[in-house]
Amino acid sequence: MKGIQLTWTASGQCLQPVVQGGSLAVGDILRQNQALLLMLHQGELKERPAVGVGISDMLLDNDPILWRTMIREQLEMDGQNVQGIVITKKAIEINATYRD
């Protein structure tokens, strides 16, 4: 899926659109959207309060199956076909693509 590319500001506190040659940069947003879904907590996105996993709450939790289920639900709500999600001690590996 193509969409507007986002990048972190120099301070790293917020996202802003990427501007190239005086216009918004458009490109593949699959990984960008996956990262946003993982970072957002439910209720943070005022237009869609049910969106978000809030992986910062995953720290010191001992139920990876719950987190895998929540991630899968959020990705599917975003219109992605999820082939697999693997949660390890060092990473979350997502194998998903947007539906045609």
PDB file of N, CA and C in Angstrom:
ATOM      1  N   MET A   1       0.845  -1.169   0.000  1.00  0.00           N
ATOM      2  CA  MET A   1       0.000   0.000   0.000  1.00  0.00           C
ATOM      3  C   MET A   1       0.894   1.237   0.000  1.00  0.00           C
ATOM      4  N   LYS A   2       0.515   2.197  -0.775  1.00  0.00           N
ATOM      5  CA  LYS A   2       1.251   3.457  -0.851  1.00  0.00           C
ATOM      6  C   LYS A   2       0.572   4.500   0.032  1.00  0.00           C
ATOM      7  N   GLY A   3       1.388   5.362   0.624  1.00  0.00           N
ATOM      8  CA  GLY A   3       0.866   6.416   1.470  1.00  0.00           C
ATOM      9  C   GLY A   3       1.943   7.436   1.777  1.00  0.00           C
ATOM     10  N   ILE A   4       1.613   8.397   2.609  1.00  0.00           N
ATOM     11  CA  ILE A   4       2.548   9.465   2.976  1.00  0.00           C
ATOM     12  C   ILE A   4       3.577   8.919   3.965  1.00  0.00           C
ATOM     13  N   GLN A   5       4.844   9.115   3.646  1.00  0.00           N
ATOM     14  CA  GLN A   5       5.940   8.676   4.506  1.00  0.00           C
ATOM     15  C   GLN A   5       6.073   9.611   5.706  1.00  0.00           C
ATOM     16  N   LEU A   6       6.356   9.035   6.873  1.00  0.00           N
ATOM     17  CA  LEU A   6       6.551   9.810   8.091  1.00  0.00           C
ATOM     18  C   LEU A   6       7.953   9.576   8.622  1.00  0.00           C
ATOM     19  N   THR A   7       8.467  10.558   9.358  1.00  0.00           N
ATOM     20  CA  THR A   7       9.766  10.428  10.008  1.00  0.00           C
ATOM     21  C   THR A   7       9.700  11.117  11.361  1.00  0.00           C
ATOM     22  N   TRP A   8      10.599  10.715  12.257  1.00  0.00           N
ATOM     23  CA  TRP A   8      10.662  11.350  13.573  1.00  0.00           C
ATOM     24  C   TRP A   8      11.333  12.708  13.456  1.00  0.00           C
ATOM     25  N   THR A   9      10.900  13.658  14.267  1.00  0.00           N
ATOM     26  CA  THR A   9      11.553  14.966  14.325  1.00  0.00           C
ATOM     27  C   THR A   9      12.941  14.796  14.930  1.00  0.00           C
ATOM     28  N   ALA A  10      13.777  15.833  14.838  1.00  0.00           N
ATOM     29  CA  ALA A  10      15.137  15.772  15.375  1.00  0.00           C
ATOM     30  C   ALA A  10      15.137  15.455  16.865  1.00  0.00           C
ATOM     31  N   SER A  11      14.136  15.939  17.583  1.00  0.00           N
ATOM     32  CA  SER A  11      14.058  15.675  19.029  1.00  0.00           C
ATOM     33  C   SER A  11      13.533  14.266  19.314  1.00  0.00           C
ATOM     34  N   GLY A  12      12.963  13.609  18.292  1.00  0.00           N
ATOM     35  CA  GLY A  12      12.448  12.260  18.467  1.00  0.00           C
ATOM     36  C   GLY A  12      11.158  12.184  19.240  1.00  0.00           C
ATOM     37  N   GLN A  13      10.446  13.306  19.351  1.00  0.00           N
ATOM     38  CA  GLN A  13       9.239  13.319  20.163  1.00  0.00           C
ATOM     39  C   GLN A  13       7.946  13.227  19.367  1.00  0.00           C
ATOM     40  N   CYS A  14       7.999  13.477  18.065  1.00  0.00           N
ATOM     41  CA  CYS A  14       6.781  13.370  17.266  1.00  0.00           C
ATOM     42  C   CYS A  14       7.119  13.027  15.821  1.00  0.00           C
ATOM     43  N   LEU A  15       6.116  12.583  15.107  1.00  0.00           N
ATOM     44  CA  LEU A  15       6.272  12.248  13.698  1.00  0.00           C
ATOM     45  C   LEU A  15       5.866  13.420  12.836  1.00  0.00           C
ATOM     46  N   GLN A  16       6.537  13.539  11.697  1.00  0.00           N
ATOM     47  CA  GLN A  16       6.175  14.574  10.741  1.00  0.00           C
ATOM     48  C   GLN A  16       6.269  13.985   9.337  1.00  0.00           C
ATOM     49  N   PRO A  17       5.507  14.519   8.382  1.00  0.00           N
ATOM     50  CA  PRO A  17       5.576  14.018   7.010  1.00  0.00           C
ATOM     51  C   PRO A  17       6.933  14.321   6.387  1.00  0.00           C
ATOM     52  N   VAL A  18       7.380  13.424   5.525  1.00  0.00           N
ATOM     53  CA  VAL A  18       8.629  13.614   4.791  1.00  0.00           C
ATOM     54  C   VAL A  18       8.333  14.487   3.578  1.00  0.00           C
ATOM     55  N   VAL A  19       9.118  15.541   3.398  1.00  0.00           N
ATOM     56  CA  VAL A  19       8.963  16.435   2.249  1.00  0.00           C
ATOM     57  C   VAL A  19      10.198  16.301   1.368  1.00  0.00           C
ATOM     58  N   GLN A  20       9.985  15.973   0.087  1.00  0.00           N
ATOM     59  CA  GLN A  20      11.075  15.850  -0.875  1.00  0.00           C
ATOM     60  C   GLN A  20      10.749  16.702  -2.090  1.00  0.00           C
ATOM     61  N   GLY A  21      11.631  17.622  -2.404  1.00  0.00           N
ATOM     62  CA  GLY A  21      11.416  18.479  -3.565  1.00  0.00           C
ATOM     63  C   GLY A  21      10.170  19.334  -3.464  1.00  0.00           C
ATOM     64  N   GLY A  22       9.797  19.724  -2.262  1.00  0.00           N
ATOM     65  CA  GLY A  22       8.646  20.593  -2.075  1.00  0.00           C
ATOM     66  C   GLY A  22       7.309  19.886  -2.032  1.00  0.00           C
ATOM     67  N   SER A  23       7.296  18.553  -2.058  1.00  0.00           N
ATOM     68  CA  SER A  23       6.025  17.838  -1.977  1.00  0.00           C
ATOM     69  C   SER A  23       6.160  16.656  -1.010  1.00  0.00           C
ATOM     70  N   LEU A  24       5.029  16.149  -0.582  1.00  0.00           N
ATOM     71  CA  LEU A  24       5.033  15.034   0.360  1.00  0.00           C
ATOM     72  C   LEU A  24       5.579  13.776  -0.304  1.00  0.00           C
ATOM     73  N   ALA A  25       6.410  13.042   0.422  1.00  0.00           N
ATOM     74  CA  ALA A  25       6.961  11.788  -0.090  1.00  0.00           C
ATOM     75  C   ALA A  25       5.920  10.685   0.067  1.00  0.00           C
ATOM     76  N   VAL A  26       5.697   9.954  -1.007  1.00  0.00           N
ATOM     77  CA  VAL A  26       4.739   8.850  -1.017  1.00  0.00           C
ATOM     78  C   VAL A  26       5.514   7.564  -1.285  1.00  0.00           C
ATOM     79  N   GLY A  27       5.200   6.525  -0.539  1.00  0.00           N
ATOM     80  CA  GLY A  27       5.878   5.246  -0.723  1.00  0.00           C
ATOM     81  C   GLY A  27       5.180   4.143   0.046  1.00  0.00           C
ATOM     82  N   ASP A  28       5.831   2.989   0.126  1.00  0.00           N
ATOM     83  CA  ASP A  28       5.277   1.837   0.824  1.00  0.00           C
ATOM     84  C   ASP A  28       5.179   2.144   2.318  1.00  0.00           C
ATOM     85  N   ILE A  29       4.011   1.935   2.908  1.00  0.00           N
ATOM     86  CA  ILE A  29       3.792   2.284   4.320  1.00  0.00           C
ATOM     87  C   ILE A  29       3.474   1.071   5.195  1.00  0.00           C
ATOM     88  N   LEU A  30       3.699  -0.135   4.680  1.00  0.00           N
ATOM     89  CA  LEU A  30       3.381  -1.339   5.445  1.00  0.00           C
ATOM     90  C   LEU A  30       4.116  -1.368   6.776  1.00  0.00           C
ATOM     91  N   ARG A  31       5.435  -1.292   6.758  1.00  0.00           N
ATOM     92  CA  ARG A  31       6.220  -1.369   8.002  1.00  0.00           C
ATOM     93  C   ARG A  31       5.964  -0.154   8.895  1.00  0.00           C
ATOM     94  N   GLN A  32       5.771   0.992   8.289  1.00  0.00           N
ATOM     95  CA  GLN A  32       5.470   2.206   9.058  1.00  0.00           C
ATOM     96  C   GLN A  32       4.168   2.029   9.832  1.00  0.00           C
ATOM     97  N   ASN A  33       3.134   1.520   9.169  1.00  0.00           N
ATOM     98  CA  ASN A  33       1.845   1.326   9.830  1.00  0.00           C
ATOM     99  C   ASN A  33       1.916   0.250  10.902  1.00  0.00           C
ATOM    100  N   GLN A  34       2.696  -0.805  10.647  1.00  0.00           N
ATOM    101  CA  GLN A  34       2.856  -1.843  11.655  1.00  0.00           C
ATOM    102  C   GLN A  34       3.515  -1.275  12.908  1.00  0.00           C
ATOM    103  N   ALA A  35       4.547  -0.460  12.717  1.00  0.00           N
ATOM    104  CA  ALA A  35       5.237   0.153  13.859  1.00  0.00           C
ATOM    105  C   ALA A  35       4.291   1.073  14.635  1.00  0.00           C
ATOM    106  N   LEU A  36       3.499   1.848  13.921  1.00  0.00           N
ATOM    107  CA  LEU A  36       2.549   2.744  14.594  1.00  0.00           C
ATOM    108  C   LEU A  36       1.517   1.961  15.390  1.00  0.00           C
ATOM    109  N   LEU A  37       1.002   0.881  14.815  1.00  0.00           N
ATOM    110  CA  LEU A  37       0.023   0.062  15.528  1.00  0.00           C
ATOM    111  C   LEU A  37       0.621  -0.535  16.799  1.00  0.00           C
ATOM    112  N   LEU A  38       1.890  -0.935  16.732  1.00  0.00           N
ATOM    113  CA  LEU A  38       2.545  -1.506  17.908  1.00  0.00           C
ATOM    114  C   LEU A  38       2.784  -0.450  18.984  1.00  0.00           C
ATOM    115  N   MET A  39       3.169   0.741  18.596  1.00  0.00           N
ATOM    116  CA  MET A  39       3.518   1.795  19.555  1.00  0.00           C
ATOM    117  C   MET A  39       2.304   2.449  20.204  1.00  0.00           C
ATOM    118  N   LEU A  40       1.250   2.683  19.430  1.00  0.00           N
ATOM    119  CA  LEU A  40       0.078   3.382  19.952  1.00  0.00           C
ATOM    120  C   LEU A  40      -0.624   2.578  21.046  1.00  0.00           C
ATOM    121  N   HIS A  41      -1.085   3.275  22.062  1.00  0.00           N
ATOM    122  CA  HIS A  41      -1.943   2.667  23.078  1.00  0.00           C
ATOM    123  C   HIS A  41      -3.393   2.954  22.689  1.00  0.00           C
ATOM    124  N   GLN A  42      -4.278   2.054  23.038  1.00  0.00           N
ATOM    125  CA  GLN A  42      -5.680   2.284  22.713  1.00  0.00           C
ATOM    126  C   GLN A  42      -6.136   3.579  23.368  1.00  0.00           C
ATOM    127  N   GLY A  43      -6.811   4.418  22.577  1.00  0.00           N
ATOM    128  CA  GLY A  43      -7.293   5.706  23.053  1.00  0.00           C
ATOM    129  C   GLY A  43      -6.394   6.867  22.657  1.00  0.00           C
ATOM    130  N   GLU A  44      -5.156   6.606  22.236  1.00  0.00           N
ATOM    131  CA  GLU A  44      -4.245   7.687  21.836  1.00  0.00           C
ATOM    132  C   GLU A  44      -4.640   8.308  20.504  1.00  0.00           C
ATOM    133  N   LEU A  45      -5.156   7.515  19.593  1.00  0.00           N
ATOM    134  CA  LEU A  45      -5.581   8.023  18.292  1.00  0.00           C
ATOM    135  C   LEU A  45      -7.055   8.373  18.427  1.00  0.00           C
ATOM    136  N   LYS A  46      -7.338   9.642  18.603  1.00  0.00           N
ATOM    137  CA  LYS A  46      -8.692  10.090  18.959  1.00  0.00           C
ATOM    138  C   LYS A  46      -9.737   9.746  17.899  1.00  0.00           C
ATOM    139  N   GLU A  47      -9.319   9.686  16.624  1.00  0.00           N
ATOM    140  CA  GLU A  47     -10.268   9.368  15.561  1.00  0.00           C
ATOM    141  C   GLU A  47     -10.678   7.900  15.587  1.00  0.00           C
ATOM    142  N   ARG A  48      -9.801   7.033  16.119  1.00  0.00           N
ATOM    143  CA  ARG A  48     -10.078   5.593  16.195  1.00  0.00           C
ATOM    144  C   ARG A  48      -9.549   5.073  17.533  1.00  0.00           C
ATOM    145  N   PRO A  49     -10.325   5.210  18.604  1.00  0.00           N
ATOM    146  CA  PRO A  49      -9.839   4.871  19.940  1.00  0.00           C
ATOM    147  C   PRO A  49      -9.549   3.385  20.168  1.00  0.00           C
ATOM    148  N   ALA A  50     -10.036   2.498  19.321  1.00  0.00           N
ATOM    149  CA  ALA A  50      -9.784   1.067  19.497  1.00  0.00           C
ATOM    150  C   ALA A  50      -8.459   0.630  18.873  1.00  0.00           C
ATOM    151  N   VAL A  51      -7.751   1.543  18.204  1.00  0.00           N
ATOM    152  CA  VAL A  51      -6.506   1.205  17.511  1.00  0.00           C
ATOM    153  C   VAL A  51      -5.334   1.305  18.472  1.00  0.00           C
ATOM    154  N   GLY A  52      -4.482   0.292  18.441  1.00  0.00           N
ATOM    155  CA  GLY A  52      -3.240   0.343  19.198  1.00  0.00           C
ATOM    156  C   GLY A  52      -3.005  -0.881  20.060  1.00  0.00           C
ATOM    157  N   VAL A  53      -1.733  -1.266  20.158  1.00  0.00           N
ATOM    158  CA  VAL A  53      -1.335  -2.406  20.976  1.00  0.00           C
ATOM    159  C   VAL A  53      -0.675  -1.936  22.265  1.00  0.00           C
ATOM    160  N   GLY A  54       0.168  -0.920  22.182  1.00  0.00           N
ATOM    161  CA  GLY A  54       0.864  -0.407  23.356  1.00  0.00           C
ATOM    162  C   GLY A  54       1.937  -1.349  23.862  1.00  0.00           C
ATOM    163  N   ILE A  55       2.913  -1.669  23.000  1.00  0.00           N
ATOM    164  CA  ILE A  55       3.917  -2.659  23.399  1.00  0.00           C
ATOM    165  C   ILE A  55       4.803  -2.200  24.552  1.00  0.00           C
ATOM    166  N   SER A  56       4.787  -0.926  24.886  1.00  0.00           N
ATOM    167  CA  SER A  56       5.572  -0.497  26.047  1.00  0.00           C
ATOM    168  C   SER A  56       5.029  -1.147  27.324  1.00  0.00           C
ATOM    169  N   ASP A  57       3.772  -1.553  27.320  1.00  0.00           N
ATOM    170  CA  ASP A  57       3.186  -2.253  28.465  1.00  0.00           C
ATOM    171  C   ASP A  57       3.599  -3.721  28.509  1.00  0.00           C
ATOM    172  N   MET A  58       4.241  -4.194  27.449  1.00  0.00           N
ATOM    173  CA  MET A  58       4.650  -5.593  27.364  1.00  0.00           C
ATOM    174  C   MET A  58       5.852  -5.894  28.261  1.00  0.00           C
ATOM    175  N   LEU A  59       6.584  -4.868  28.645  1.00  0.00           N
ATOM    176  CA  LEU A  59       7.766  -5.037  29.483  1.00  0.00           C
ATOM    177  C   LEU A  59       7.411  -5.747  30.788  1.00  0.00           C
ATOM    178  N   LEU A  60       8.135  -6.779  31.090  1.00  0.00           N
ATOM    179  CA  LEU A  60       7.964  -7.591  32.297  1.00  0.00           C
ATOM    180  C   LEU A  60       6.639  -8.351  32.355  1.00  0.00           C
ATOM    181  N   ASP A  61       5.907  -8.415  31.249  1.00  0.00           N
ATOM    182  CA  ASP A  61       4.684  -9.219  31.207  1.00  0.00           C
ATOM    183  C   ASP A  61       5.086 -10.654  30.862  1.00  0.00           C
ATOM    184  N   ASN A  62       4.292 -11.603  31.282  1.00  0.00           N
ATOM    185  CA  ASN A  62       4.647 -12.997  31.045  1.00  0.00           C
ATOM    186  C   ASN A  62       3.616 -13.735  30.205  1.00  0.00           C
ATOM    187  N   ASP A  63       2.872 -13.023  29.377  1.00  0.00           N
ATOM    188  CA  ASP A  63       1.837 -13.657  28.560  1.00  0.00           C
ATOM    189  C   ASP A  63       2.020 -13.292  27.086  1.00  0.00           C
ATOM    190  N   PRO A  64       3.014 -13.869  26.403  1.00  0.00           N
ATOM    191  CA  PRO A  64       3.255 -13.518  25.003  1.00  0.00           C
ATOM    192  C   PRO A  64       2.105 -13.924  24.080  1.00  0.00           C
ATOM    193  N   ILE A  65       1.319 -14.916  24.457  1.00  0.00           N
ATOM    194  CA  ILE A  65       0.188 -15.331  23.618  1.00  0.00           C
ATOM    195  C   ILE A  65      -0.863 -14.226  23.557  1.00  0.00           C
ATOM    196  N   LEU A  66      -1.114 -13.569  24.685  1.00  0.00           N
ATOM    197  CA  LEU A  66      -2.045 -12.436  24.696  1.00  0.00           C
ATOM    198  C   LEU A  66      -1.551 -11.329  23.766  1.00  0.00           C
ATOM    199  N   TRP A  67      -0.271 -11.001  23.843  1.00  0.00           N
ATOM    200  CA  TRP A  67       0.287  -9.934  23.009  1.00  0.00           C
ATOM    201  C   TRP A  67       0.245 -10.318  21.539  1.00  0.00           C
ATOM    202  N   ARG A  68       0.555 -11.570  21.229  1.00  0.00           N
ATOM    203  CA  ARG A  68       0.502 -12.021  19.834  1.00  0.00           C
ATOM    204  C   ARG A  68      -0.920 -11.911  19.295  1.00  0.00           C
ATOM    205  N   THR A  69      -1.904 -12.264  20.115  1.00  0.00           N
ATOM    206  CA  THR A  69      -3.308 -12.160  19.709  1.00  0.00           C
ATOM    207  C   THR A  69      -3.708 -10.705  19.488  1.00  0.00           C
ATOM    208  N   MET A  70      -3.296  -9.822  20.397  1.00  0.00           N
ATOM    209  CA  MET A  70      -3.628  -8.398  20.251  1.00  0.00           C
ATOM    210  C   MET A  70      -2.990  -7.817  18.982  1.00  0.00           C
ATOM    211  N   ILE A  71      -1.749  -8.179  18.714  1.00  0.00           N
ATOM    212  CA  ILE A  71      -1.068  -7.682  17.514  1.00  0.00           C
ATOM    213  C   ILE A  71      -1.777  -8.177  16.267  1.00  0.00           C
ATOM    214  N   ARG A  72      -2.122  -9.462  16.234  1.00  0.00           N
ATOM    215  CA  ARG A  72      -2.824 -10.023  15.074  1.00  0.00           C
ATOM    216  C   ARG A  72      -4.154  -9.303  14.841  1.00  0.00           C
ATOM    217  N   GLU A  73      -4.929  -9.073  15.893  1.00  0.00           N
ATOM    218  CA  GLU A  73      -6.219  -8.390  15.762  1.00  0.00           C
ATOM    219  C   GLU A  73      -6.043  -6.992  15.192  1.00  0.00           C
ATOM    220  N   GLN A  74      -5.060  -6.246  15.694  1.00  0.00           N
ATOM    221  CA  GLN A  74      -4.844  -4.883  15.221  1.00  0.00           C
ATOM    222  C   GLN A  74      -4.417  -4.859  13.754  1.00  0.00           C
ATOM    223  N   LEU A  75      -3.527  -5.772  13.364  1.00  0.00           N
ATOM    224  CA  LEU A  75      -3.079  -5.824  11.971  1.00  0.00           C
ATOM    225  C   LEU A  75      -4.238  -6.189  11.045  1.00  0.00           C
ATOM    226  N   GLU A  76      -5.064  -7.132  11.454  1.00  0.00           N
ATOM    227  CA  GLU A  76      -6.212  -7.518  10.636  1.00  0.00           C
ATOM    228  C   GLU A  76      -7.238  -6.399  10.545  1.00  0.00           C
ATOM    229  N   MET A  77      -7.428  -5.636  11.640  1.00  0.00           N
ATOM    230  CA  MET A  77      -8.329  -4.483  11.588  1.00  0.00           C
ATOM    231  C   MET A  77      -7.805  -3.426  10.618  1.00  0.00           C
ATOM    232  N   ASP A  78      -6.485  -3.378  10.427  1.00  0.00           N
ATOM    233  CA  ASP A  78      -5.862  -2.433   9.505  1.00  0.00           C
ATOM    234  C   ASP A  78      -5.942  -2.916   8.056  1.00  0.00           C
ATOM    235  N   GLY A  79      -6.440  -4.123   7.836  1.00  0.00           N
ATOM    236  CA  GLY A  79      -6.579  -4.641   6.481  1.00  0.00           C
ATOM    237  C   GLY A  79      -5.409  -5.488   6.016  1.00  0.00           C
ATOM    238  N   GLN A  80      -4.650  -6.025   6.936  1.00  0.00           N
ATOM    239  CA  GLN A  80      -3.494  -6.839   6.575  1.00  0.00           C
ATOM    240  C   GLN A  80      -3.807  -8.322   6.713  1.00  0.00           C
ATOM    241  N   ASN A  81      -3.245  -9.129   5.798  1.00  0.00           N
ATOM    242  CA  ASN A  81      -3.285 -10.582   5.910  1.00  0.00           C
ATOM    243  C   ASN A  81      -2.073 -10.996   6.722  1.00  0.00           C
ATOM    244  N   VAL A  82      -2.306 -11.618   7.859  1.00  0.00           N
ATOM    245  CA  VAL A  82      -1.215 -11.988   8.756  1.00  0.00           C
ATOM    246  C   VAL A  82      -0.900 -13.464   8.573  1.00  0.00           C
ATOM    247  N   GLN A  83       0.327 -13.749   8.129  1.00  0.00           N
ATOM    248  CA  GLN A  83       0.761 -15.131   7.987  1.00  0.00           C
ATOM    249  C   GLN A  83       1.394 -15.646   9.276  1.00  0.00           C
ATOM    250  N   GLY A  84       2.007 -14.762  10.056  1.00  0.00           N
ATOM    251  CA  GLY A  84       2.617 -15.205  11.297  1.00  0.00           C
ATOM    252  C   GLY A  84       3.192 -14.061  12.110  1.00  0.00           C
ATOM    253  N   ILE A  85       3.229 -14.267  13.419  1.00  0.00           N
ATOM    254  CA  ILE A  85       3.829 -13.312  14.354  1.00  0.00           C
ATOM    255  C   ILE A  85       4.656 -14.136  15.337  1.00  0.00           C
ATOM    256  N   VAL A  86       5.918 -13.766  15.477  1.00  0.00           N
ATOM    257  CA  VAL A  86       6.801 -14.460  16.415  1.00  0.00           C
ATOM    258  C   VAL A  86       7.329 -13.425  17.403  1.00  0.00           C
ATOM    259  N   ILE A  87       7.124 -13.691  18.686  1.00  0.00           N
ATOM    260  CA  ILE A  87       7.628 -12.812  19.736  1.00  0.00           C
ATOM    261  C   ILE A  87       8.782 -13.519  20.423  1.00  0.00           C
ATOM    262  N   THR A  88       9.960 -12.898  20.373  1.00  0.00           N
ATOM    263  CA  THR A  88      11.133 -13.430  21.056  1.00  0.00           C
ATOM    264  C   THR A  88      11.548 -12.448  22.142  1.00  0.00           C
ATOM    265  N   LYS A  89      12.609 -12.771  22.854  1.00  0.00           N
ATOM    266  CA  LYS A  89      13.093 -11.875  23.900  1.00  0.00           C
ATOM    267  C   LYS A  89      13.680 -10.594  23.328  1.00  0.00           C
ATOM    268  N   LYS A  90      14.085 -10.619  22.048  1.00  0.00           N
ATOM    269  CA  LYS A  90      14.744  -9.459  21.453  1.00  0.00           C
ATOM    270  C   LYS A  90      13.941  -8.769  20.360  1.00  0.00           C
ATOM    271  N   ALA A  91      12.876  -9.399  19.858  1.00  0.00           N
ATOM    272  CA  ALA A  91      12.185  -8.810  18.711  1.00  0.00           C
ATOM    273  C   ALA A  91      10.757  -9.330  18.579  1.00  0.00           C
ATOM    274  N   ILE A  92      10.006  -8.601  17.772  1.00  0.00           N
ATOM    275  CA  ILE A  92       8.689  -9.044  17.319  1.00  0.00           C
ATOM    276  C   ILE A  92       8.781  -9.138  15.804  1.00  0.00           C
ATOM    277  N   GLU A  93       8.644 -10.342  15.276  1.00  0.00           N
ATOM    278  CA  GLU A  93       8.730 -10.561  13.830  1.00  0.00           C
ATOM    279  C   GLU A  93       7.322 -10.717  13.271  1.00  0.00           C
ATOM    280  N   ILE A  94       6.994  -9.841  12.325  1.00  0.00           N
ATOM    281  CA  ILE A  94       5.649  -9.839  11.738  1.00  0.00           C
ATOM    282  C   ILE A  94       5.759 -10.197  10.267  1.00  0.00           C
ATOM    283  N   ASN A  95       4.995 -11.191   9.848  1.00  0.00           N
ATOM    284  CA  ASN A  95       4.914 -11.573   8.446  1.00  0.00           C
ATOM    285  C   ASN A  95       3.487 -11.284   7.994  1.00  0.00           C
ATOM    286  N   ALA A  96       3.292 -10.129   7.372  1.00  0.00           N
ATOM    287  CA  ALA A  96       1.950  -9.699   6.958  1.00  0.00           C
ATOM    288  C   ALA A  96       2.048  -8.782   5.739  1.00  0.00           C
ATOM    289  N   THR A  97       0.984  -8.756   4.971  1.00  0.00           N
ATOM    290  CA  THR A  97       0.894  -7.862   3.811  1.00  0.00           C
ATOM    291  C   THR A  97      -0.533  -7.302   3.749  1.00  0.00           C
ATOM    292  N   TYR A  98      -0.693  -6.214   3.015  1.00  0.00           N
ATOM    293  CA  TYR A  98      -2.042  -5.668   2.825  1.00  0.00           C
ATOM    294  C   TYR A  98      -2.811  -6.514   1.841  1.00  0.00           C
ATOM    295  N   ARG A  99      -4.121  -6.652   2.096  1.00  0.00           N
ATOM    296  CA  ARG A  99      -4.988  -7.369   1.179  1.00  0.00           C
ATOM    297  C   ARG A  99      -5.103  -6.600  -0.129  1.00  0.00           C
ATOM    298  N   ASP A 100      -5.296  -7.338  -1.187  1.00  0.00           N
ATOM    299  CA  ASP A 100      -5.468  -6.680  -2.503  1.00  0.00           C
ATOM    300  C   ASP A 100      -6.818  -6.060  -2.644  1.00  0.00           C
TER     301      ASP A 100
END
